[in-house]
């Protein structure tokens, strides 16, 4: 698979975080994945904010004037929730870079090899 969605990348990140509890050195080996997720979130959020600023500015100004003070404070939180929902459900693929591919290959080969010992005993899990 040459590309993946942001939600798939986040799931992989969570799985790797769980695996890195057993092999602590591995946590430093998936920074490329973290950087890809961060860059994509920043780029997409910036694009969405710019679009909303250009197209919804009059509607947002109307809402701010129409709402009373108690609800006006909640408006930005509701907008942020909507932004997060759109960002995480975006189906557009993220291309897999060579840096990320090499990093994931190293992690997979180490974790799949049964001769590599865990760093903590099974009783501490």
PDB file of N, CA and C in Angstrom:
ATOM      1  N   UNK A   1       0.854  -1.177   0.000  1.00  0.00           N
ATOM      2  CA  UNK A   1       0.000   0.000   0.000  1.00  0.00           C
ATOM      3  C   UNK A   1       0.896   1.236   0.000  1.00  0.00           C
ATOM      4  N   UNK A   2       0.709   2.098  -0.963  1.00  0.00           N
ATOM      5  CA  UNK A   2       1.595   3.259  -1.112  1.00  0.00           C
ATOM      6  C   UNK A   2       1.167   4.456  -0.269  1.00  0.00           C
ATOM      7  N   UNK A   3      -0.079   4.525   0.102  1.00  0.00           N
ATOM      8  CA  UNK A   3      -0.544   5.656   0.899  1.00  0.00           C
ATOM      9  C   UNK A   3      -1.422   5.177   2.045  1.00  0.00           C
ATOM     10  N   UNK A   4      -1.750   6.069   2.935  1.00  0.00           N
ATOM     11  CA  UNK A   4      -2.574   5.744   4.084  1.00  0.00           C
ATOM     12  C   UNK A   4      -3.282   7.006   4.517  1.00  0.00           C
ATOM     13  N   UNK A   5      -4.339   6.851   5.301  1.00  0.00           N
ATOM     14  CA  UNK A   5      -5.061   8.009   5.802  1.00  0.00           C
ATOM     15  C   UNK A   5      -4.457   8.440   7.132  1.00  0.00           C
ATOM     16  N   UNK A   6      -4.857   9.600   7.569  1.00  0.00           N
ATOM     17  CA  UNK A   6      -4.355  10.129   8.833  1.00  0.00           C
ATOM     18  C   UNK A   6      -4.800   9.256  10.006  1.00  0.00           C
ATOM     19  N   UNK A   7      -6.010   8.745   9.940  1.00  0.00           N
ATOM     20  CA  UNK A   7      -6.514   7.882  11.007  1.00  0.00           C
ATOM     21  C   UNK A   7      -5.733   6.570  11.070  1.00  0.00           C
ATOM     22  N   UNK A   8      -5.371   6.013   9.919  1.00  0.00           N
ATOM     23  CA  UNK A   8      -4.551   4.799   9.899  1.00  0.00           C
ATOM     24  C   UNK A   8      -3.164   5.065  10.485  1.00  0.00           C
ATOM     25  N   UNK A   9      -2.605   6.222  10.194  1.00  0.00           N
ATOM     26  CA  UNK A   9      -1.296   6.578  10.752  1.00  0.00           C
ATOM     27  C   UNK A   9      -1.379   6.717  12.268  1.00  0.00           C
ATOM     28  N   UNK A  10      -2.465   7.297  12.761  1.00  0.00           N
ATOM     29  CA  UNK A  10      -2.629   7.452  14.207  1.00  0.00           C
ATOM     30  C   UNK A  10      -2.797   6.094  14.888  1.00  0.00           C
ATOM     31  N   UNK A  11      -3.514   5.179  14.245  1.00  0.00           N
ATOM     32  CA  UNK A  11      -3.662   3.829  14.811  1.00  0.00           C
ATOM     33  C   UNK A  11      -2.311   3.106  14.869  1.00  0.00           C
ATOM     34  N   UNK A  12      -1.544   3.233  13.804  1.00  0.00           N
ATOM     35  CA  UNK A  12      -0.212   2.625  13.788  1.00  0.00           C
ATOM     36  C   UNK A  12       0.665   3.228  14.882  1.00  0.00           C
ATOM     37  N   UNK A  13       0.555   4.530  15.074  1.00  0.00           N
ATOM     38  CA  UNK A  13       1.325   5.198  16.122  1.00  0.00           C
ATOM     39  C   UNK A  13       0.953   4.644  17.492  1.00  0.00           C
ATOM     40  N   UNK A  14      -0.328   4.445  17.746  1.00  0.00           N
ATOM     41  CA  UNK A  14      -0.759   3.880  19.024  1.00  0.00           C
ATOM     42  C   UNK A  14      -0.244   2.470  19.236  1.00  0.00           C
ATOM     43  N   UNK A  15      -0.263   1.667  18.187  1.00  0.00           N
ATOM     44  CA  UNK A  15       0.262   0.302  18.278  1.00  0.00           C
ATOM     45  C   UNK A  15       1.756   0.311  18.573  1.00  0.00           C
ATOM     46  N   UNK A  16       2.482   1.194  17.905  1.00  0.00           N
ATOM     47  CA  UNK A  16       3.924   1.281  18.145  1.00  0.00           C
ATOM     48  C   UNK A  16       4.234   1.794  19.546  1.00  0.00           C
ATOM     49  N   UNK A  17       3.406   2.691  20.063  1.00  0.00           N
ATOM     50  CA  UNK A  17       3.617   3.159  21.440  1.00  0.00           C
ATOM     51  C   UNK A  17       3.438   2.007  22.424  1.00  0.00           C
ATOM     52  N   UNK A  18       2.441   1.155  22.186  1.00  0.00           N
ATOM     53  CA  UNK A  18       2.247  -0.007  23.058  1.00  0.00           C
ATOM     54  C   UNK A  18       3.425  -0.964  22.956  1.00  0.00           C
ATOM     55  N   UNK A  19       3.901  -1.203  21.747  1.00  0.00           N
ATOM     56  CA  UNK A  19       5.040  -2.108  21.565  1.00  0.00           C
ATOM     57  C   UNK A  19       6.306  -1.533  22.175  1.00  0.00           C
ATOM     58  N   UNK A  20       6.432  -0.218  22.196  1.00  0.00           N
ATOM     59  CA  UNK A  20       7.650   0.382  22.736  1.00  0.00           C
ATOM     60  C   UNK A  20       7.700   0.316  24.257  1.00  0.00           C
ATOM     61  N   UNK A  21       6.610  -0.057  24.905  1.00  0.00           N
ATOM     62  CA  UNK A  21       6.675  -0.308  26.346  1.00  0.00           C
ATOM     63  C   UNK A  21       7.523  -1.539  26.630  1.00  0.00           C
ATOM     64  N   UNK A  22       7.506  -2.489  25.702  1.00  0.00           N
ATOM     65  CA  UNK A  22       8.284  -3.717  25.873  1.00  0.00           C
ATOM     66  C   UNK A  22       9.696  -3.569  25.334  1.00  0.00           C
ATOM     67  N   UNK A  23       9.864  -2.807  24.290  1.00  0.00           N
ATOM     68  CA  UNK A  23      11.177  -2.566  23.677  1.00  0.00           C
ATOM     69  C   UNK A  23      11.395  -1.057  23.668  1.00  0.00           C
ATOM     70  N   UNK A  24      11.930  -0.544  24.753  1.00  0.00           N
ATOM     71  CA  UNK A  24      11.979   0.904  24.951  1.00  0.00           C
ATOM     72  C   UNK A  24      12.790   1.641  23.904  1.00  0.00           C
ATOM     73  N   UNK A  25      13.800   1.022  23.344  1.00  0.00           N
ATOM     74  CA  UNK A  25      14.617   1.705  22.338  1.00  0.00           C
ATOM     75  C   UNK A  25      13.782   2.028  21.101  1.00  0.00           C
ATOM     76  N   UNK A  26      12.716   1.279  20.889  1.00  0.00           N
ATOM     77  CA  UNK A  26      11.907   1.470  19.690  1.00  0.00           C
ATOM     78  C   UNK A  26      11.166   2.792  19.654  1.00  0.00           C
ATOM     79  N   UNK A  27      10.943   3.403  20.817  1.00  0.00           N
ATOM     80  CA  UNK A  27      10.216   4.668  20.855  1.00  0.00           C
ATOM     81  C   UNK A  27      10.931   5.755  20.061  1.00  0.00           C
ATOM     82  N   UNK A  28      12.241   5.705  20.061  1.00  0.00           N
ATOM     83  CA  UNK A  28      13.005   6.712  19.316  1.00  0.00           C
ATOM     84  C   UNK A  28      13.021   6.430  17.821  1.00  0.00           C
ATOM     85  N   UNK A  29      12.538   5.265  17.418  1.00  0.00           N
ATOM     86  CA  UNK A  29      12.618   4.881  16.015  1.00  0.00           C
ATOM     87  C   UNK A  29      11.355   5.154  15.222  1.00  0.00           C
ATOM     88  N   UNK A  30      10.340   5.752  15.803  1.00  0.00           N
ATOM     89  CA  UNK A  30       9.206   6.107  14.964  1.00  0.00           C
ATOM     90  C   UNK A  30       8.886   7.596  15.017  1.00  0.00           C
ATOM     91  N   UNK A  31       9.949   8.395  15.103  1.00  0.00           N
ATOM     92  CA  UNK A  31       9.780   9.841  15.019  1.00  0.00           C
ATOM     93  C   UNK A  31       9.336  10.281  13.632  1.00  0.00           C
ATOM     94  N   UNK A  32       9.735   9.560  12.599  1.00  0.00           N
ATOM     95  CA  UNK A  32       9.308   9.934  11.243  1.00  0.00           C
ATOM     96  C   UNK A  32       7.795   9.840  11.130  1.00  0.00           C
ATOM     97  N   UNK A  33       7.202   8.815  11.739  1.00  0.00           N
ATOM     98  CA  UNK A  33       5.747   8.676  11.718  1.00  0.00           C
ATOM     99  C   UNK A  33       5.096   9.822  12.485  1.00  0.00           C
ATOM    100  N   UNK A  34       5.641  10.172  13.640  1.00  0.00           N
ATOM    101  CA  UNK A  34       5.102  11.289  14.406  1.00  0.00           C
ATOM    102  C   UNK A  34       5.204  12.591  13.620  1.00  0.00           C
ATOM    103  N   UNK A  35       6.322  12.793  12.941  1.00  0.00           N
ATOM    104  CA  UNK A  35       6.503  14.013  12.160  1.00  0.00           C
ATOM    105  C   UNK A  35       5.559  14.066  10.970  1.00  0.00           C
ATOM    106  N   UNK A  36       5.312  12.924  10.331  1.00  0.00           N
ATOM    107  CA  UNK A  36       4.370  12.892   9.214  1.00  0.00           C
ATOM    108  C   UNK A  36       2.973  13.255   9.697  1.00  0.00           C
ATOM    109  N   UNK A  37       2.547  12.673  10.809  1.00  0.00           N
ATOM    110  CA  UNK A  37       1.221  12.979  11.354  1.00  0.00           C
ATOM    111  C   UNK A  37       1.130  14.458  11.705  1.00  0.00           C
ATOM    112  N   UNK A  38       2.143  14.991  12.372  1.00  0.00           N
ATOM    113  CA  UNK A  38       2.141  16.400  12.768  1.00  0.00           C
ATOM    114  C   UNK A  38       2.081  17.323  11.554  1.00  0.00           C
ATOM    115  N   UNK A  39       2.916  17.042  10.541  1.00  0.00           N
ATOM    116  CA  UNK A  39       2.922  17.887   9.340  1.00  0.00           C
ATOM    117  C   UNK A  39       1.580  17.865   8.624  1.00  0.00           C
ATOM    118  N   UNK A  40       0.999  16.682   8.488  1.00  0.00           N
ATOM    119  CA  UNK A  40      -0.278  16.577   7.786  1.00  0.00           C
ATOM    120  C   UNK A  40      -1.385  17.300   8.548  1.00  0.00           C
ATOM    121  N   UNK A  41      -1.411  17.152   9.867  1.00  0.00           N
ATOM    122  CA  UNK A  41      -2.417  17.859  10.662  1.00  0.00           C
ATOM    123  C   UNK A  41      -2.254  19.367  10.537  1.00  0.00           C
ATOM    124  N   UNK A  42      -1.022  19.849  10.610  1.00  0.00           N
ATOM    125  CA  UNK A  42      -0.788  21.287  10.505  1.00  0.00           C
ATOM    126  C   UNK A  42      -1.171  21.818   9.131  1.00  0.00           C
ATOM    127  N   UNK A  43      -0.781  21.100   8.070  1.00  0.00           N
ATOM    128  CA  UNK A  43      -1.097  21.565   6.717  1.00  0.00           C
ATOM    129  C   UNK A  43      -2.598  21.578   6.464  1.00  0.00           C
ATOM    130  N   UNK A  44      -3.273  20.513   6.845  1.00  0.00           N
ATOM    131  CA  UNK A  44      -4.709  20.430   6.589  1.00  0.00           C
ATOM    132  C   UNK A  44      -5.497  21.408   7.455  1.00  0.00           C
ATOM    133  N   UNK A  45      -5.095  21.567   8.710  1.00  0.00           N
ATOM    134  CA  UNK A  45      -5.788  22.517   9.582  1.00  0.00           C
ATOM    135  C   UNK A  45      -5.585  23.938   9.087  1.00  0.00           C
ATOM    136  N   UNK A  46      -4.392  24.255   8.635  1.00  0.00           N
ATOM    137  CA  UNK A  46      -4.127  25.587   8.098  1.00  0.00           C
ATOM    138  C   UNK A  46      -4.964  25.848   6.855  1.00  0.00           C
ATOM    139  N   UNK A  47      -5.058  24.863   5.982  1.00  0.00           N
ATOM    140  CA  UNK A  47      -5.871  25.019   4.774  1.00  0.00           C
ATOM    141  C   UNK A  47      -7.343  25.193   5.129  1.00  0.00           C
ATOM    142  N   UNK A  48      -7.821  24.433   6.100  1.00  0.00           N
ATOM    143  CA  UNK A  48      -9.228  24.547   6.492  1.00  0.00           C
ATOM    144  C   UNK A  48      -9.512  25.885   7.161  1.00  0.00           C
ATOM    145  N   UNK A  49      -8.588  26.362   7.993  1.00  0.00           N
ATOM    146  CA  UNK A  49      -8.793  27.665   8.627  1.00  0.00           C
ATOM    147  C   UNK A  49      -8.816  28.778   7.591  1.00  0.00           C
ATOM    148  N   UNK A  50      -7.914  28.703   6.615  1.00  0.00           N
ATOM    149  CA  UNK A  50      -7.896  29.704   5.554  1.00  0.00           C
ATOM    150  C   UNK A  50      -9.172  29.692   4.745  1.00  0.00           C
ATOM    151  N   UNK A  51      -9.665  28.504   4.420  1.00  0.00           N
ATOM    152  CA  UNK A  51     -10.919  28.386   3.673  1.00  0.00           C
ATOM    153  C   UNK A  51     -12.071  28.964   4.488  1.00  0.00           C
ATOM    154  N   UNK A  52     -12.133  28.607   5.772  1.00  0.00           N
ATOM    155  CA  UNK A  52     -13.212  29.103   6.621  1.00  0.00           C
ATOM    156  C   UNK A  52     -13.129  30.616   6.782  1.00  0.00           C
ATOM    157  N   UNK A  53     -11.919  31.143   6.885  1.00  0.00           N
ATOM    158  CA  UNK A  53     -11.749  32.582   7.026  1.00  0.00           C
ATOM    159  C   UNK A  53     -12.249  33.316   5.783  1.00  0.00           C
ATOM    160  N   UNK A  54     -11.972  32.753   4.616  1.00  0.00           N
ATOM    161  CA  UNK A  54     -12.390  33.409   3.375  1.00  0.00           C
ATOM    162  C   UNK A  54     -13.882  33.277   3.112  1.00  0.00           C
ATOM    163  N   UNK A  55     -14.462  32.120   3.419  1.00  0.00           N
ATOM    164  CA  UNK A  55     -15.832  31.856   3.002  1.00  0.00           C
ATOM    165  C   UNK A  55     -16.873  31.991   4.103  1.00  0.00           C
ATOM    166  N   UNK A  56     -16.500  31.850   5.336  1.00  0.00           N
ATOM    167  CA  UNK A  56     -17.482  31.868   6.415  1.00  0.00           C
ATOM    168  C   UNK A  56     -17.318  33.058   7.348  1.00  0.00           C
ATOM    169  N   UNK A  57     -16.570  34.057   6.951  1.00  0.00           N
ATOM    170  CA  UNK A  57     -16.298  35.161   7.876  1.00  0.00           C
ATOM    171  C   UNK A  57     -17.564  35.937   8.208  1.00  0.00           C
ATOM    172  N   UNK A  58     -18.425  36.171   7.240  1.00  0.00           N
ATOM    173  CA  UNK A  58     -19.649  36.920   7.525  1.00  0.00           C
ATOM    174  C   UNK A  58     -20.594  36.086   8.383  1.00  0.00           C
ATOM    175  N   UNK A  59     -20.659  34.783   8.133  1.00  0.00           N
ATOM    176  CA  UNK A  59     -21.522  33.913   8.926  1.00  0.00           C
ATOM    177  C   UNK A  59     -21.025  33.832  10.366  1.00  0.00           C
ATOM    178  N   UNK A  60     -19.706  33.724  10.554  1.00  0.00           N
ATOM    179  CA  UNK A  60     -19.145  33.669  11.905  1.00  0.00           C
ATOM    180  C   UNK A  60     -19.388  34.986  12.642  1.00  0.00           C
ATOM    181  N   UNK A  61     -19.246  36.107  11.938  1.00  0.00           N
ATOM    182  CA  UNK A  61     -19.508  37.405  12.566  1.00  0.00           C
ATOM    183  C   UNK A  61     -20.979  37.516  12.964  1.00  0.00           C
ATOM    184  N   UNK A  62     -21.861  37.019  12.106  1.00  0.00           N
ATOM    185  CA  UNK A  62     -23.290  37.029  12.422  1.00  0.00           C
ATOM    186  C   UNK A  62     -23.570  36.182  13.661  1.00  0.00           C
ATOM    187  N   UNK A  63     -22.969  34.997  13.719  1.00  0.00           N
ATOM    188  CA  UNK A  63     -23.191  34.123  14.873  1.00  0.00           C
ATOM    189  C   UNK A  63     -22.677  34.751  16.160  1.00  0.00           C
ATOM    190  N   UNK A  64     -21.515  35.390  16.093  1.00  0.00           N
ATOM    191  CA  UNK A  64     -20.965  36.012  17.299  1.00  0.00           C
ATOM    192  C   UNK A  64     -21.864  37.130  17.809  1.00  0.00           C
ATOM    193  N   UNK A  65     -22.478  37.874  16.905  1.00  0.00           N
ATOM    194  CA  UNK A  65     -23.385  38.946  17.325  1.00  0.00           C
ATOM    195  C   UNK A  65     -24.716  38.390  17.805  1.00  0.00           C
ATOM    196  N   UNK A  66     -25.187  37.314  17.182  1.00  0.00           N
ATOM    197  CA  UNK A  66     -26.501  36.772  17.501  1.00  0.00           C
ATOM    198  C   UNK A  66     -26.511  35.978  18.806  1.00  0.00           C
ATOM    199  N   UNK A  67     -25.392  35.385  19.161  1.00  0.00           N
ATOM    200  CA  UNK A  67     -25.357  34.551  20.364  1.00  0.00           C
ATOM    201  C   UNK A  67     -25.155  35.400  21.611  1.00  0.00           C
ATOM    202  N   UNK A  68     -25.750  34.943  22.714  1.00  0.00           N
ATOM    203  CA  UNK A  68     -25.484  35.650  23.964  1.00  0.00           C
ATOM    204  C   UNK A  68     -24.098  35.249  24.478  1.00  0.00           C
ATOM    205  N   UNK A  69     -23.642  35.892  25.526  1.00  0.00           N
ATOM    206  CA  UNK A  69     -22.255  35.725  25.982  1.00  0.00           C
ATOM    207  C   UNK A  69     -21.942  34.286  26.408  1.00  0.00           C
ATOM    208  N   UNK A  70     -22.881  33.607  27.027  1.00  0.00           N
ATOM    209  CA  UNK A  70     -22.633  32.237  27.464  1.00  0.00           C
ATOM    210  C   UNK A  70     -22.406  31.289  26.296  1.00  0.00           C
ATOM    211  N   UNK A  71     -23.182  31.456  25.250  1.00  0.00           N
ATOM    212  CA  UNK A  71     -23.041  30.582  24.086  1.00  0.00           C
ATOM    213  C   UNK A  71     -21.892  31.014  23.185  1.00  0.00           C
ATOM    214  N   UNK A  72     -21.576  32.302  23.211  1.00  0.00           N
ATOM    215  CA  UNK A  72     -20.471  32.793  22.374  1.00  0.00           C
ATOM    216  C   UNK A  72     -19.146  32.157  22.789  1.00  0.00           C
ATOM    217  N   UNK A  73     -18.987  31.899  24.085  1.00  0.00           N
ATOM    218  CA  UNK A  73     -17.757  31.267  24.565  1.00  0.00           C
ATOM    219  C   UNK A  73     -17.644  29.828  24.071  1.00  0.00           C
ATOM    220  N   UNK A  74     -18.779  29.169  23.845  1.00  0.00           N
ATOM    221  CA  UNK A  74     -18.761  27.778  23.393  1.00  0.00           C
ATOM    222  C   UNK A  74     -18.583  27.659  21.888  1.00  0.00           C
ATOM    223  N   UNK A  75     -18.751  28.757  21.153  1.00  0.00           N
ATOM    224  CA  UNK A  75     -18.687  28.694  19.697  1.00  0.00           C
ATOM    225  C   UNK A  75     -17.320  28.230  19.214  1.00  0.00           C
ATOM    226  N   UNK A  76     -16.247  28.767  19.783  1.00  0.00           N
ATOM    227  CA  UNK A  76     -14.916  28.370  19.314  1.00  0.00           C
ATOM    228  C   UNK A  76     -14.645  26.895  19.606  1.00  0.00           C
ATOM    229  N   UNK A  77     -15.131  26.388  20.739  1.00  0.00           N
ATOM    230  CA  UNK A  77     -14.949  24.965  21.043  1.00  0.00           C
ATOM    231  C   UNK A  77     -15.707  24.095  20.047  1.00  0.00           C
ATOM    232  N   UNK A  78     -16.909  24.508  19.682  1.00  0.00           N
ATOM    233  CA  UNK A  78     -17.687  23.742  18.703  1.00  0.00           C
ATOM    234  C   UNK A  78     -17.030  23.770  17.330  1.00  0.00           C
ATOM    235  N   UNK A  79     -16.457  24.902  16.970  1.00  0.00           N
ATOM    236  CA  UNK A  79     -15.752  25.004  15.692  1.00  0.00           C
ATOM    237  C   UNK A  79     -14.534  24.096  15.701  1.00  0.00           C
ATOM    238  N   UNK A  80     -13.807  24.044  16.820  1.00  0.00           N
ATOM    239  CA  UNK A  80     -12.627  23.186  16.917  1.00  0.00           C
ATOM    240  C   UNK A  80     -12.999  21.701  16.853  1.00  0.00           C
ATOM    241  N   UNK A  81     -14.124  21.335  17.462  1.00  0.00           N
ATOM    242  CA  UNK A  81     -14.589  19.944  17.395  1.00  0.00           C
ATOM    243  C   UNK A  81     -14.913  19.575  15.954  1.00  0.00           C
ATOM    244  N   UNK A  82     -15.578  20.474  15.255  1.00  0.00           N
ATOM    245  CA  UNK A  82     -15.909  20.223  13.853  1.00  0.00           C
ATOM    246  C   UNK A  82     -14.643  20.121  13.002  1.00  0.00           C
ATOM    247  N   UNK A  83     -13.669  20.986  13.249  1.00  0.00           N
ATOM    248  CA  UNK A  83     -12.398  20.944  12.527  1.00  0.00           C
ATOM    249  C   UNK A  83     -11.695  19.607  12.755  1.00  0.00           C
ATOM    250  N   UNK A  84     -11.651  19.150  13.996  1.00  0.00           N
ATOM    251  CA  UNK A  84     -11.012  17.867  14.304  1.00  0.00           C
ATOM    252  C   UNK A  84     -11.737  16.714  13.620  1.00  0.00           C
ATOM    253  N   UNK A  85     -13.063  16.760  13.608  1.00  0.00           N
ATOM    254  CA  UNK A  85     -13.828  15.695  12.962  1.00  0.00           C
ATOM    255  C   UNK A  85     -13.517  15.622  11.473  1.00  0.00           C
ATOM    256  N   UNK A  86     -13.458  16.759  10.824  1.00  0.00           N
ATOM    257  CA  UNK A  86     -13.164  16.785   9.388  1.00  0.00           C
ATOM    258  C   UNK A  86     -11.728  16.336   9.126  1.00  0.00           C
ATOM    259  N   UNK A  87     -10.788  16.759   9.957  1.00  0.00           N
ATOM    260  CA  UNK A  87      -9.385  16.379   9.769  1.00  0.00           C
ATOM    261  C   UNK A  87      -9.180  14.871   9.877  1.00  0.00           C
ATOM    262  N   UNK A  88      -9.744  14.255  10.895  1.00  0.00           N
ATOM    263  CA  UNK A  88      -9.487  12.837  11.125  1.00  0.00           C
ATOM    264  C   UNK A  88     -10.263  11.942  10.182  1.00  0.00           C
ATOM    265  N   UNK A  89     -11.377  12.400   9.641  1.00  0.00           N
ATOM    266  CA  UNK A  89     -12.174  11.575   8.729  1.00  0.00           C
ATOM    267  C   UNK A  89     -11.830  11.829   7.267  1.00  0.00           C
ATOM    268  N   UNK A  90     -10.829  12.628   6.992  1.00  0.00           N
ATOM    269  CA  UNK A  90     -10.444  12.952   5.618  1.00  0.00           C
ATOM    270  C   UNK A  90      -9.890  11.703   4.929  1.00  0.00           C
ATOM    271  N   UNK A  91     -10.489  11.281   3.813  1.00  0.00           N
ATOM    272  CA  UNK A  91     -10.027  10.046   3.155  1.00  0.00           C
ATOM    273  C   UNK A  91      -8.846  10.235   2.207  1.00  0.00           C
ATOM    274  N   UNK A  92      -8.372  11.463   2.040  1.00  0.00           N
ATOM    275  CA  UNK A  92      -7.284  11.671   1.080  1.00  0.00           C
ATOM    276  C   UNK A  92      -6.006  11.008   1.595  1.00  0.00           C
ATOM    277  N   UNK A  93      -5.310  10.290   0.717  1.00  0.00           N
ATOM    278  CA  UNK A  93      -4.144   9.518   1.162  1.00  0.00           C
ATOM    279  C   UNK A  93      -2.914  10.386   1.398  1.00  0.00           C
ATOM    280  N   UNK A  94      -2.072   9.914   2.302  1.00  0.00           N
ATOM    281  CA  UNK A  94      -0.782  10.533   2.586  1.00  0.00           C
ATOM    282  C   UNK A  94       0.271   9.639   1.943  1.00  0.00           C
ATOM    283  N   UNK A  95       1.140  10.187   1.120  1.00  0.00           N
ATOM    284  CA  UNK A  95       2.163   9.328   0.503  1.00  0.00           C
ATOM    285  C   UNK A  95       3.182   8.857   1.539  1.00  0.00           C
ATOM    286  N   UNK A  96       3.677   7.643   1.359  1.00  0.00           N
ATOM    287  CA  UNK A  96       4.659   7.079   2.277  1.00  0.00           C
ATOM    288  C   UNK A  96       6.048   7.457   1.785  1.00  0.00           C
ATOM    289  N   UNK A  97       6.815   8.141   2.626  1.00  0.00           N
ATOM    290  CA  UNK A  97       8.159   8.573   2.249  1.00  0.00           C
ATOM    291  C   UNK A  97       9.152   7.430   2.447  1.00  0.00           C
ATOM    292  N   UNK A  98      10.310   7.566   1.834  1.00  0.00           N
ATOM    293  CA  UNK A  98      11.356   6.548   1.982  1.00  0.00           C
ATOM    294  C   UNK A  98      11.875   6.490   3.417  1.00  0.00           C
ATOM    295  N   UNK A  99      11.965   7.653   4.055  1.00  0.00           N
ATOM    296  CA  UNK A  99      12.419   7.698   5.455  1.00  0.00           C
ATOM    297  C   UNK A  99      11.470   6.902   6.346  1.00  0.00           C
ATOM    298  N   UNK A 100      10.181   7.117   6.151  1.00  0.00           N
ATOM    299  CA  UNK A 100       9.188   6.407   6.947  1.00  0.00           C
ATOM    300  C   UNK A 100       9.194   4.913   6.626  1.00  0.00           C
ATOM    301  N   UNK A 101       9.322   4.569   5.362  1.00  0.00           N
ATOM    302  CA  UNK A 101       9.350   3.159   4.967  1.00  0.00           C
ATOM    303  C   UNK A 101      10.540   2.438   5.613  1.00  0.00           C
ATOM    304  N   UNK A 102      11.722   3.064   5.593  1.00  0.00           N
ATOM    305  CA  UNK A 102      12.911   2.450   6.196  1.00  0.00           C
ATOM    306  C   UNK A 102      12.732   2.287   7.704  1.00  0.00           C
ATOM    307  N   UNK A 103      12.157   3.303   8.334  1.00  0.00           N
ATOM    308  CA  UNK A 103      11.940   3.252   9.776  1.00  0.00           C
ATOM    309  C   UNK A 103      10.983   2.125  10.156  1.00  0.00           C
ATOM    310  N   UNK A 104       9.895   1.997   9.423  1.00  0.00           N
ATOM    311  CA  UNK A 104       8.926   0.945   9.715  1.00  0.00           C
ATOM    312  C   UNK A 104       9.493  -0.441   9.420  1.00  0.00           C
ATOM    313  N   UNK A 105      10.336  -0.554   8.407  1.00  0.00           N
ATOM    314  CA  UNK A 105      10.981  -1.841   8.117  1.00  0.00           C
ATOM    315  C   UNK A 105      11.900  -2.266   9.259  1.00  0.00           C
ATOM    316  N   UNK A 106      12.660  -1.325   9.807  1.00  0.00           N
ATOM    317  CA  UNK A 106      13.552  -1.632  10.938  1.00  0.00           C
ATOM    318  C   UNK A 106      12.738  -2.099  12.142  1.00  0.00           C
ATOM    319  N   UNK A 107      11.669  -1.358  12.456  1.00  0.00           N
ATOM    320  CA  UNK A 107      10.839  -1.732  13.602  1.00  0.00           C
ATOM    321  C   UNK A 107      10.177  -3.088  13.393  1.00  0.00           C
ATOM    322  N   UNK A 108       9.661  -3.320  12.206  1.00  0.00           N
ATOM    323  CA  UNK A 108       8.985  -4.592  11.948  1.00  0.00           C
ATOM    324  C   UNK A 108       9.952  -5.764  12.041  1.00  0.00           C
ATOM    325  N   UNK A 109      11.126  -5.614  11.462  1.00  0.00           N
ATOM    326  CA  UNK A 109      12.080  -6.729  11.492  1.00  0.00           C
ATOM    327  C   UNK A 109      12.534  -7.029  12.920  1.00  0.00           C
ATOM    328  N   UNK A 110      12.675  -6.007  13.753  1.00  0.00           N
ATOM    329  CA  UNK A 110      13.089  -6.252  15.134  1.00  0.00           C
ATOM    330  C   UNK A 110      11.956  -6.891  15.937  1.00  0.00           C
ATOM    331  N   UNK A 111      10.751  -6.323  15.824  1.00  0.00           N
ATOM    332  CA  UNK A 111       9.642  -6.828  16.634  1.00  0.00           C
ATOM    333  C   UNK A 111       9.181  -8.211  16.171  1.00  0.00           C
ATOM    334  N   UNK A 112       9.362  -8.533  14.899  1.00  0.00           N
ATOM    335  CA  UNK A 112       8.926  -9.835  14.385  1.00  0.00           C
ATOM    336  C   UNK A 112       9.931 -10.944  14.682  1.00  0.00           C
ATOM    337  N   UNK A 113      11.128 -10.595  15.078  1.00  0.00           N
ATOM    338  CA  UNK A 113      12.165 -11.591  15.342  1.00  0.00           C
ATOM    339  C   UNK A 113      12.001 -12.125  16.769  1.00  0.00           C
ATOM    340  N   UNK A 114      11.669 -13.410  16.941  1.00  0.00           N
ATOM    341  CA  UNK A 114      11.446 -13.935  18.294  1.00  0.00           C
ATOM    342  C   UNK A 114      12.721 -14.069  19.124  1.00  0.00           C
ATOM    343  N   UNK A 115      13.876 -13.957  18.512  1.00  0.00           N
ATOM    344  CA  UNK A 115      15.114 -14.085  19.292  1.00  0.00           C
ATOM    345  C   UNK A 115      15.471 -12.798  20.032  1.00  0.00           C
ATOM    346  N   UNK A 116      14.806 -11.692  19.732  1.00  0.00           N
ATOM    347  CA  UNK A 116      15.073 -10.432  20.439  1.00  0.00           C
ATOM    348  C   UNK A 116      14.305 -10.429  21.761  1.00  0.00           C
ATOM    349  N   UNK A 117      14.995 -10.269  22.884  1.00  0.00           N
ATOM    350  CA  UNK A 117      14.315 -10.338  24.183  1.00  0.00           C
ATOM    351  C   UNK A 117      13.557  -9.046  24.507  1.00  0.00           C
ATOM    352  N   UNK A 118      12.550  -9.201  25.366  1.00  0.00           N
ATOM    353  CA  UNK A 118      11.856  -8.034  25.880  1.00  0.00           C
ATOM    354  C   UNK A 118      12.726  -7.398  26.951  1.00  0.00           C
ATOM    355  N   UNK A 119      12.541  -6.110  27.173  1.00  0.00           N
ATOM    356  CA  UNK A 119      13.360  -5.411  28.159  1.00  0.00           C
ATOM    357  C   UNK A 119      12.775  -5.458  29.554  1.00  0.00           C
ATOM    358  N   UNK A 120      11.499  -5.811  29.660  1.00  0.00           N
ATOM    359  CA  UNK A 120      10.886  -5.916  30.983  1.00  0.00           C
ATOM    360  C   UNK A 120      10.256  -7.296  31.104  1.00  0.00           C
ATOM    361  N   UNK A 121      10.124  -7.764  32.323  1.00  0.00           N
ATOM    362  CA  UNK A 121       9.559  -9.099  32.514  1.00  0.00           C
ATOM    363  C   UNK A 121       8.052  -9.065  32.313  1.00  0.00           C
ATOM    364  N   UNK A 122       7.493 -10.203  32.021  1.00  0.00           N
ATOM    365  CA  UNK A 122       6.066 -10.306  31.734  1.00  0.00           C
ATOM    366  C   UNK A 122       5.228  -9.913  32.954  1.00  0.00           C
ATOM    367  N   UNK A 123       5.766 -10.056  34.156  1.00  0.00           N
ATOM    368  CA  UNK A 123       5.037  -9.690  35.363  1.00  0.00           C
ATOM    369  C   UNK A 123       4.843  -8.193  35.534  1.00  0.00           C
ATOM    370  N   UNK A 124       5.624  -7.377  34.848  1.00  0.00           N
ATOM    371  CA  UNK A 124       5.499  -5.930  34.969  1.00  0.00           C
ATOM    372  C   UNK A 124       4.569  -5.319  33.928  1.00  0.00           C
ATOM    373  N   UNK A 125       3.981  -6.138  33.093  1.00  0.00           N
ATOM    374  CA  UNK A 125       3.098  -5.609  32.038  1.00  0.00           C
ATOM    375  C   UNK A 125       1.726  -5.357  32.591  1.00  0.00           C
TER     376      UNK A 125
END
